[in-house]
Amino acid sequence: MNKIKLLFFATIRDRAGTKSLELDIPDGMTIHGLKEKLASDIPAMKEAMKSVLVTIDREYAFDDMVIPLNAEIGMFPPVSGG
């Protein structure tokens, strides 16, 4: 198992009901898999997982990326503006 720390920001934090969470995930889990797990475990986050921006150790991450051991995952709502 891989112990990660999740950090939630702005409206994602509101939906999660907390600013951070420690979670054990299977080795080799991708960002996409993590999004599916969070949508299932925390129903209020399901809709947000479709457009959430994700970072791994403060670098932007894509759905197919494998989460490294002891990673810090940030989740942000989409940003708009000019």
PDB file of N, CA and C in Angstrom:
ATOM      1  N   MET A   1       0.848  -1.200   0.000  1.00  0.00           N
ATOM      2  CA  MET A   1       0.000   0.000   0.000  1.00  0.00           C
ATOM      3  C   MET A   1       0.884   1.251   0.000  1.00  0.00           C
ATOM      4  N   ASN A   2       0.327   2.295  -0.532  1.00  0.00           N
ATOM      5  CA  ASN A   2       1.008   3.570  -0.678  1.00  0.00           C
ATOM      6  C   ASN A   2       0.246   4.612   0.138  1.00  0.00           C
ATOM      7  N   LYS A   3       0.899   5.237   1.108  1.00  0.00           N
ATOM      8  CA  LYS A   3       0.244   6.264   1.927  1.00  0.00           C
ATOM      9  C   LYS A   3       0.480   7.627   1.277  1.00  0.00           C
ATOM     10  N   ILE A   4      -0.607   8.300   0.899  1.00  0.00           N
ATOM     11  CA  ILE A   4      -0.504   9.617   0.271  1.00  0.00           C
ATOM     12  C   ILE A   4      -1.223  10.652   1.123  1.00  0.00           C
ATOM     13  N   LYS A   5      -0.885  11.915   0.876  1.00  0.00           N
ATOM     14  CA  LYS A   5      -1.576  13.021   1.526  1.00  0.00           C
ATOM     15  C   LYS A   5      -2.302  13.806   0.444  1.00  0.00           C
ATOM     16  N   LEU A   6      -3.590  13.995   0.650  1.00  0.00           N
ATOM     17  CA  LEU A   6      -4.414  14.779  -0.267  1.00  0.00           C
ATOM     18  C   LEU A   6      -4.642  16.158   0.336  1.00  0.00           C
ATOM     19  N   LEU A   7      -4.477  17.180  -0.483  1.00  0.00           N
ATOM     20  CA  LEU A   7      -4.762  18.555  -0.085  1.00  0.00           C
ATOM     21  C   LEU A   7      -5.861  19.077  -1.000  1.00  0.00           C
ATOM     22  N   PHE A   8      -6.918  19.624  -0.411  1.00  0.00           N
ATOM     23  CA  PHE A   8      -8.056  20.122  -1.182  1.00  0.00           C
ATOM     24  C   PHE A   8      -8.098  21.645  -1.107  1.00  0.00           C
ATOM     25  N   PHE A   9      -8.412  22.294  -2.219  1.00  0.00           N
ATOM     26  CA  PHE A   9      -8.414  23.750  -2.288  1.00  0.00           C
ATOM     27  C   PHE A   9      -9.745  24.276  -2.817  1.00  0.00           C
ATOM     28  N   ALA A  10     -10.106  25.468  -2.339  1.00  0.00           N
ATOM     29  CA  ALA A  10     -11.284  26.222  -2.788  1.00  0.00           C
ATOM     30  C   ALA A  10     -12.560  25.374  -2.729  1.00  0.00           C
ATOM     31  N   THR A  11     -13.319  25.310  -3.818  1.00  0.00           N
ATOM     32  CA  THR A  11     -14.607  24.600  -3.792  1.00  0.00           C
ATOM     33  C   THR A  11     -14.431  23.092  -3.610  1.00  0.00           C
ATOM     34  N   ILE A  12     -13.269  22.548  -4.001  1.00  0.00           N
ATOM     35  CA  ILE A  12     -13.010  21.120  -3.791  1.00  0.00           C
ATOM     36  C   ILE A  12     -12.933  20.846  -2.287  1.00  0.00           C
ATOM     37  N   ARG A  13     -12.336  21.763  -1.550  1.00  0.00           N
ATOM     38  CA  ARG A  13     -12.265  21.639  -0.088  1.00  0.00           C
ATOM     39  C   ARG A  13     -13.669  21.623   0.507  1.00  0.00           C
ATOM     40  N   ASP A  14     -14.525  22.492   0.019  1.00  0.00           N
ATOM     41  CA  ASP A  14     -15.907  22.541   0.517  1.00  0.00           C
ATOM     42  C   ASP A  14     -16.619  21.211   0.275  1.00  0.00           C
ATOM     43  N   ARG A  15     -16.443  20.650  -0.906  1.00  0.00           N
ATOM     44  CA  ARG A  15     -17.102  19.381  -1.240  1.00  0.00           C
ATOM     45  C   ARG A  15     -16.545  18.222  -0.422  1.00  0.00           C
ATOM     46  N   ALA A  16     -15.235  18.244  -0.177  1.00  0.00           N
ATOM     47  CA  ALA A  16     -14.598  17.172   0.602  1.00  0.00           C
ATOM     48  C   ALA A  16     -14.926  17.280   2.084  1.00  0.00           C
ATOM     49  N   GLY A  17     -15.240  18.491   2.531  1.00  0.00           N
ATOM     50  CA  GLY A  17     -15.544  18.705   3.945  1.00  0.00           C
ATOM     51  C   GLY A  17     -14.306  18.741   4.829  1.00  0.00           C
ATOM     52  N   THR A  18     -13.126  18.839   4.224  1.00  0.00           N
ATOM     53  CA  THR A  18     -11.867  18.892   4.969  1.00  0.00           C
ATOM     54  C   THR A  18     -10.802  19.515   4.076  1.00  0.00           C
ATOM     55  N   LYS A  19      -9.740  20.045   4.691  1.00  0.00           N
ATOM     56  CA  LYS A  19      -8.667  20.629   3.879  1.00  0.00           C
ATOM     57  C   LYS A  19      -7.611  19.602   3.482  1.00  0.00           C
ATOM     58  N   SER A  20      -7.520  18.498   4.226  1.00  0.00           N
ATOM     59  CA  SER A  20      -6.540  17.474   3.878  1.00  0.00           C
ATOM     60  C   SER A  20      -7.006  16.110   4.369  1.00  0.00           C
ATOM     61  N   LEU A  21      -6.371  15.084   3.812  1.00  0.00           N
ATOM     62  CA  LEU A  21      -6.759  13.714   4.117  1.00  0.00           C
ATOM     63  C   LEU A  21      -5.567  12.816   3.829  1.00  0.00           C
ATOM     64  N   GLU A  22      -5.293  11.871   4.714  1.00  0.00           N
ATOM     65  CA  GLU A  22      -4.279  10.866   4.431  1.00  0.00           C
ATOM     66  C   GLU A  22      -5.006   9.601   4.014  1.00  0.00           C
ATOM     67  N   LEU A  23      -4.471   8.945   3.005  1.00  0.00           N
ATOM     68  CA  LEU A  23      -5.170   7.831   2.395  1.00  0.00           C
ATOM     69  C   LEU A  23      -4.175   6.750   1.996  1.00  0.00           C
ATOM     70  N   ASP A  24      -4.531   5.496   2.235  1.00  0.00           N
ATOM     71  CA  ASP A  24      -3.758   4.363   1.735  1.00  0.00           C
ATOM     72  C   ASP A  24      -4.361   3.924   0.417  1.00  0.00           C
ATOM     73  N   ILE A  25      -3.535   3.884  -0.612  1.00  0.00           N
ATOM     74  CA  ILE A  25      -3.991   3.456  -1.938  1.00  0.00           C
ATOM     75  C   ILE A  25      -3.119   2.300  -2.420  1.00  0.00           C
ATOM     76  N   PRO A  26      -3.614   1.506  -3.343  1.00  0.00           N
ATOM     77  CA  PRO A  26      -2.793   0.413  -3.876  1.00  0.00           C
ATOM     78  C   PRO A  26      -1.595   0.955  -4.656  1.00  0.00           C
ATOM     79  N   ASP A  27      -0.478   0.236  -4.607  1.00  0.00           N
ATOM     80  CA  ASP A  27       0.680   0.590  -5.425  1.00  0.00           C
ATOM     81  C   ASP A  27       0.261   0.570  -6.888  1.00  0.00           C
ATOM     82  N   GLY A  28       0.761   1.526  -7.649  1.00  0.00           N
ATOM     83  CA  GLY A  28       0.466   1.572  -9.080  1.00  0.00           C
ATOM     84  C   GLY A  28      -0.821   2.288  -9.438  1.00  0.00           C
ATOM     85  N   MET A  29      -1.538   2.846  -8.462  1.00  0.00           N
ATOM     86  CA  MET A  29      -2.788   3.562  -8.763  1.00  0.00           C
ATOM     87  C   MET A  29      -2.469   4.827  -9.565  1.00  0.00           C
ATOM     88  N   THR A  30      -3.309   5.105 -10.549  1.00  0.00           N
ATOM     89  CA  THR A  30      -3.165   6.315 -11.351  1.00  0.00           C
ATOM     90  C   THR A  30      -4.027   7.441 -10.782  1.00  0.00           C
ATOM     91  N   ILE A  31      -3.805   8.631 -11.306  1.00  0.00           N
ATOM     92  CA  ILE A  31      -4.648   9.778 -10.926  1.00  0.00           C
ATOM     93  C   ILE A  31      -6.103   9.484 -11.274  1.00  0.00           C
ATOM     94  N   HIS A  32      -6.333   8.889 -12.424  1.00  0.00           N
ATOM     95  CA  HIS A  32      -7.708   8.537 -12.814  1.00  0.00           C
ATOM     96  C   HIS A  32      -8.340   7.592 -11.783  1.00  0.00           C
ATOM     97  N   GLY A  33      -7.596   6.593 -11.348  1.00  0.00           N
ATOM     98  CA  GLY A  33      -8.089   5.661 -10.334  1.00  0.00           C
ATOM     99  C   GLY A  33      -8.393   6.360  -9.019  1.00  0.00           C
ATOM    100  N   LEU A  34      -7.540   7.310  -8.654  1.00  0.00           N
ATOM    101  CA  LEU A  34      -7.768   8.069  -7.422  1.00  0.00           C
ATOM    102  C   LEU A  34      -9.046   8.896  -7.532  1.00  0.00           C
ATOM    103  N   LYS A  35      -9.252   9.530  -8.673  1.00  0.00           N
ATOM    104  CA  LYS A  35     -10.480  10.314  -8.877  1.00  0.00           C
ATOM    105  C   LYS A  35     -11.723   9.432  -8.746  1.00  0.00           C
ATOM    106  N   GLU A  36     -11.665   8.245  -9.341  1.00  0.00           N
ATOM    107  CA  GLU A  36     -12.798   7.322  -9.241  1.00  0.00           C
ATOM    108  C   GLU A  36     -13.039   6.905  -7.791  1.00  0.00           C
ATOM    109  N   LYS A  37     -11.961   6.639  -7.056  1.00  0.00           N
ATOM    110  CA  LYS A  37     -12.081   6.247  -5.652  1.00  0.00           C
ATOM    111  C   LYS A  37     -12.710   7.372  -4.834  1.00  0.00           C
ATOM    112  N   LEU A  38     -12.241   8.597  -5.020  1.00  0.00           N
ATOM    113  CA  LEU A  38     -12.787   9.727  -4.263  1.00  0.00           C
ATOM    114  C   LEU A  38     -14.254   9.969  -4.617  1.00  0.00           C
ATOM    115  N   ALA A  39     -14.600   9.855  -5.902  1.00  0.00           N
ATOM    116  CA  ALA A  39     -15.992  10.036  -6.328  1.00  0.00           C
ATOM    117  C   ALA A  39     -16.892   8.990  -5.684  1.00  0.00           C
ATOM    118  N   SER A  40     -16.374   7.778  -5.511  1.00  0.00           N
ATOM    119  CA  SER A  40     -17.146   6.701  -4.889  1.00  0.00           C
ATOM    120  C   SER A  40     -17.225   6.860  -3.366  1.00  0.00           C
ATOM    121  N   ASP A  41     -16.082   7.186  -2.747  1.00  0.00           N
ATOM    122  CA  ASP A  41     -16.019   7.291  -1.283  1.00  0.00           C
ATOM    123  C   ASP A  41     -16.687   8.548  -0.731  1.00  0.00           C
ATOM    124  N   ILE A  42     -16.620   9.650  -1.506  1.00  0.00           N
ATOM    125  CA  ILE A  42     -17.190  10.930  -1.066  1.00  0.00           C
ATOM    126  C   ILE A  42     -18.132  11.419  -2.164  1.00  0.00           C
ATOM    127  N   PRO A  43     -19.392  10.993  -2.140  1.00  0.00           N
ATOM    128  CA  PRO A  43     -20.327  11.323  -3.227  1.00  0.00           C
ATOM    129  C   PRO A  43     -20.413  12.808  -3.572  1.00  0.00           C
ATOM    130  N   ALA A  44     -20.224  13.692  -2.608  1.00  0.00           N
ATOM    131  CA  ALA A  44     -20.288  15.132  -2.882  1.00  0.00           C
ATOM    132  C   ALA A  44     -19.182  15.584  -3.838  1.00  0.00           C
ATOM    133  N   MET A  45     -18.143  14.773  -3.986  1.00  0.00           N
ATOM    134  CA  MET A  45     -17.020  15.128  -4.864  1.00  0.00           C
ATOM    135  C   MET A  45     -17.159  14.568  -6.277  1.00  0.00           C
ATOM    136  N   LYS A  46     -18.150  13.724  -6.504  1.00  0.00           N
ATOM    137  CA  LYS A  46     -18.269  13.025  -7.791  1.00  0.00           C
ATOM    138  C   LYS A  46     -18.259  13.979  -8.979  1.00  0.00           C
ATOM    139  N   GLU A  47     -19.075  14.987  -8.960  1.00  0.00           N
ATOM    140  CA  GLU A  47     -19.163  15.922 -10.083  1.00  0.00           C
ATOM    141  C   GLU A  47     -17.854  16.700 -10.255  1.00  0.00           C
ATOM    142  N   ALA A  48     -17.230  17.083  -9.150  1.00  0.00           N
ATOM    143  CA  ALA A  48     -15.985  17.859  -9.203  1.00  0.00           C
ATOM    144  C   ALA A  48     -14.835  17.061  -9.803  1.00  0.00           C
ATOM    145  N   MET A  49     -14.857  15.751  -9.682  1.00  0.00           N
ATOM    146  CA  MET A  49     -13.756  14.917 -10.178  1.00  0.00           C
ATOM    147  C   MET A  49     -13.661  14.918 -11.700  1.00  0.00           C
ATOM    148  N   LYS A  50     -14.731  15.365 -12.373  1.00  0.00           N
ATOM    149  CA  LYS A  50     -14.721  15.421 -13.835  1.00  0.00           C
ATOM    150  C   LYS A  50     -13.826  16.535 -14.369  1.00  0.00           C
ATOM    151  N   SER A  51     -13.625  17.593 -13.579  1.00  0.00           N
ATOM    152  CA  SER A  51     -12.867  18.743 -14.082  1.00  0.00           C
ATOM    153  C   SER A  51     -11.766  19.219 -13.134  1.00  0.00           C
ATOM    154  N   VAL A  52     -11.498  18.458 -12.080  1.00  0.00           N
ATOM    155  CA  VAL A  52     -10.507  18.867 -11.090  1.00  0.00           C
ATOM    156  C   VAL A  52      -9.104  18.913 -11.700  1.00  0.00           C
ATOM    157  N   LEU A  53      -8.299  19.885 -11.262  1.00  0.00           N
ATOM    158  CA  LEU A  53      -6.887  19.956 -11.625  1.00  0.00           C
ATOM    159  C   LEU A  53      -6.102  19.296 -10.501  1.00  0.00           C
ATOM    160  N   VAL A  54      -5.136  18.466 -10.869  1.00  0.00           N
ATOM    161  CA  VAL A  54      -4.412  17.671  -9.882  1.00  0.00           C
ATOM    162  C   VAL A  54      -2.917  17.940  -9.978  1.00  0.00           C
ATOM    163  N   THR A  55      -2.257  18.003  -8.816  1.00  0.00           N
ATOM    164  CA  THR A  55      -0.803  18.074  -8.768  1.00  0.00           C
ATOM    165  C   THR A  55      -0.267  16.890  -7.976  1.00  0.00           C
ATOM    166  N   ILE A  56       0.926  16.446  -8.355  1.00  0.00           N
ATOM    167  CA  ILE A  56       1.670  15.464  -7.580  1.00  0.00           C
ATOM    168  C   ILE A  56       2.944  16.154  -7.141  1.00  0.00           C
ATOM    169  N   ASP A  57       3.128  16.277  -5.842  1.00  0.00           N
ATOM    170  CA  ASP A  57       4.313  16.948  -5.300  1.00  0.00           C
ATOM    171  C   ASP A  57       4.550  18.297  -5.988  1.00  0.00           C
ATOM    172  N   ARG A  58       3.462  19.053  -6.126  1.00  0.00           N
ATOM    173  CA  ARG A  58       3.446  20.428  -6.639  1.00  0.00           C
ATOM    174  C   ARG A  58       3.743  20.571  -8.127  1.00  0.00           C
ATOM    175  N   GLU A  59       3.606  19.491  -8.873  1.00  0.00           N
ATOM    176  CA  GLU A  59       3.736  19.516 -10.336  1.00  0.00           C
ATOM    177  C   GLU A  59       2.415  19.021 -10.927  1.00  0.00           C
ATOM    178  N   TYR A  60       1.916  19.710 -11.971  1.00  0.00           N
ATOM    179  CA  TYR A  60       0.654  19.272 -12.570  1.00  0.00           C
ATOM    180  C   TYR A  60       0.738  17.820 -13.027  1.00  0.00           C
ATOM    181  N   ALA A  61      -0.364  17.106 -12.854  1.00  0.00           N
ATOM    182  CA  ALA A  61      -0.416  15.677 -13.174  1.00  0.00           C
ATOM    183  C   ALA A  61      -1.602  15.396 -14.086  1.00  0.00           C
ATOM    184  N   PHE A  62      -1.453  14.347 -14.899  1.00  0.00           N
ATOM    185  CA  PHE A  62      -2.506  13.928 -15.817  1.00  0.00           C
ATOM    186  C   PHE A  62      -3.081  12.589 -15.362  1.00  0.00           C
ATOM    187  N   ASP A  63      -4.254  12.257 -15.878  1.00  0.00           N
ATOM    188  CA  ASP A  63      -4.992  11.073 -15.422  1.00  0.00           C
ATOM    189  C   ASP A  63      -4.227   9.766 -15.526  1.00  0.00           C
ATOM    190  N   ASP A  64      -3.352   9.628 -16.515  1.00  0.00           N
ATOM    191  CA  ASP A  64      -2.657   8.356 -16.709  1.00  0.00           C
ATOM    192  C   ASP A  64      -1.380   8.214 -15.874  1.00  0.00           C
ATOM    193  N   MET A  65      -1.031   9.240 -15.099  1.00  0.00           N
ATOM    194  CA  MET A  65       0.188   9.190 -14.283  1.00  0.00           C
ATOM    195  C   MET A  65      -0.001   8.293 -13.064  1.00  0.00           C
ATOM    196  N   VAL A  66       1.010   7.470 -12.790  1.00  0.00           N
ATOM    197  CA  VAL A  66       1.004   6.609 -11.603  1.00  0.00           C
ATOM    198  C   VAL A  66       1.447   7.444 -10.406  1.00  0.00           C
ATOM    199  N   ILE A  67       0.740   7.301  -9.306  1.00  0.00           N
ATOM    200  CA  ILE A  67       1.036   8.069  -8.096  1.00  0.00           C
ATOM    201  C   ILE A  67       2.243   7.452  -7.394  1.00  0.00           C
ATOM    202  N   PRO A  68       3.312   8.241  -7.183  1.00  0.00           N
ATOM    203  CA  PRO A  68       4.499   7.697  -6.519  1.00  0.00           C
ATOM    204  C   PRO A  68       4.264   7.490  -5.016  1.00  0.00           C
ATOM    205  N   LEU A  69       5.162   6.736  -4.404  1.00  0.00           N
ATOM    206  CA  LEU A  69       5.068   6.480  -2.964  1.00  0.00           C
ATOM    207  C   LEU A  69       5.124   7.783  -2.170  1.00  0.00           C
ATOM    208  N   ASN A  70       4.300   7.855  -1.137  1.00  0.00           N
ATOM    209  CA  ASN A  70       4.281   8.982  -0.194  1.00  0.00           C
ATOM    210  C   ASN A  70       4.073  10.335  -0.864  1.00  0.00           C
ATOM    211  N   ALA A  71       3.306  10.361  -1.934  1.00  0.00           N
ATOM    212  CA  ALA A  71       3.088  11.598  -2.683  1.00  0.00           C
ATOM    213  C   ALA A  71       2.156  12.549  -1.937  1.00  0.00           C
ATOM    214  N   GLU A  72       2.325  13.821  -2.260  1.00  0.00           N
ATOM    215  CA  GLU A  72       1.393  14.849  -1.819  1.00  0.00           C
ATOM    216  C   GLU A  72       0.580  15.241  -3.053  1.00  0.00           C
ATOM    217  N   ILE A  73      -0.716  15.019  -2.982  1.00  0.00           N
ATOM    218  CA  ILE A  73      -1.619  15.275  -4.109  1.00  0.00           C
ATOM    219  C   ILE A  73      -2.451  16.510  -3.801  1.00  0.00           C
ATOM    220  N   GLY A  74      -2.406  17.488  -4.685  1.00  0.00           N
ATOM    221  CA  GLY A  74      -3.243  18.679  -4.556  1.00  0.00           C
ATOM    222  C   GLY A  74      -4.398  18.600  -5.538  1.00  0.00           C
ATOM    223  N   MET A  75      -5.576  19.038  -5.107  1.00  0.00           N
ATOM    224  CA  MET A  75      -6.750  19.044  -5.983  1.00  0.00           C
ATOM    225  C   MET A  75      -7.363  20.442  -5.972  1.00  0.00           C
ATOM    226  N   PHE A  76      -7.486  20.988  -7.185  1.00  0.00           N
ATOM    227  CA  PHE A  76      -7.947  22.355  -7.367  1.00  0.00           C
ATOM    228  C   PHE A  76      -9.123  22.388  -8.340  1.00  0.00           C
ATOM    229  N   PRO A  77     -10.070  23.310  -8.134  1.00  0.00           N
ATOM    230  CA  PRO A  77     -11.135  23.472  -9.140  1.00  0.00           C
ATOM    231  C   PRO A  77     -10.526  24.108 -10.396  1.00  0.00           C
ATOM    232  N   PRO A  78     -11.192  23.977 -11.541  1.00  0.00           N
ATOM    233  CA  PRO A  78     -10.678  24.611 -12.761  1.00  0.00           C
ATOM    234  C   PRO A  78     -10.579  26.120 -12.562  1.00  0.00           C
ATOM    235  N   VAL A  79      -9.597  26.711 -13.194  1.00  0.00           N
ATOM    236  CA  VAL A  79      -9.360  28.146 -13.078  1.00  0.00           C
ATOM    237  C   VAL A  79      -9.805  28.793 -14.366  1.00  0.00           C
ATOM    238  N   SER A  80     -10.486  29.926 -14.246  1.00  0.00           N
ATOM    239  CA  SER A  80     -10.863  30.665 -15.445  1.00  0.00           C
ATOM    240  C   SER A  80     -10.538  32.129 -15.223  1.00  0.00           C
ATOM    241  N   GLY A  81     -10.578  32.863 -16.257  1.00  0.00           N
ATOM    242  CA  GLY A  81     -10.290  34.299 -16.147  1.00  0.00           C
ATOM    243  C   GLY A  81      -9.240  34.702 -17.140  1.00  0.00           C
ATOM    244  N   GLY A  82      -8.824  35.943 -17.044  1.00  0.00           N
ATOM    245  CA  GLY A  82      -7.883  36.409 -18.052  1.00  0.00           C
ATOM    246  C   GLY A  82      -6.785  37.223 -17.516  1.00  0.00           C
TER     247      GLY A  82
END
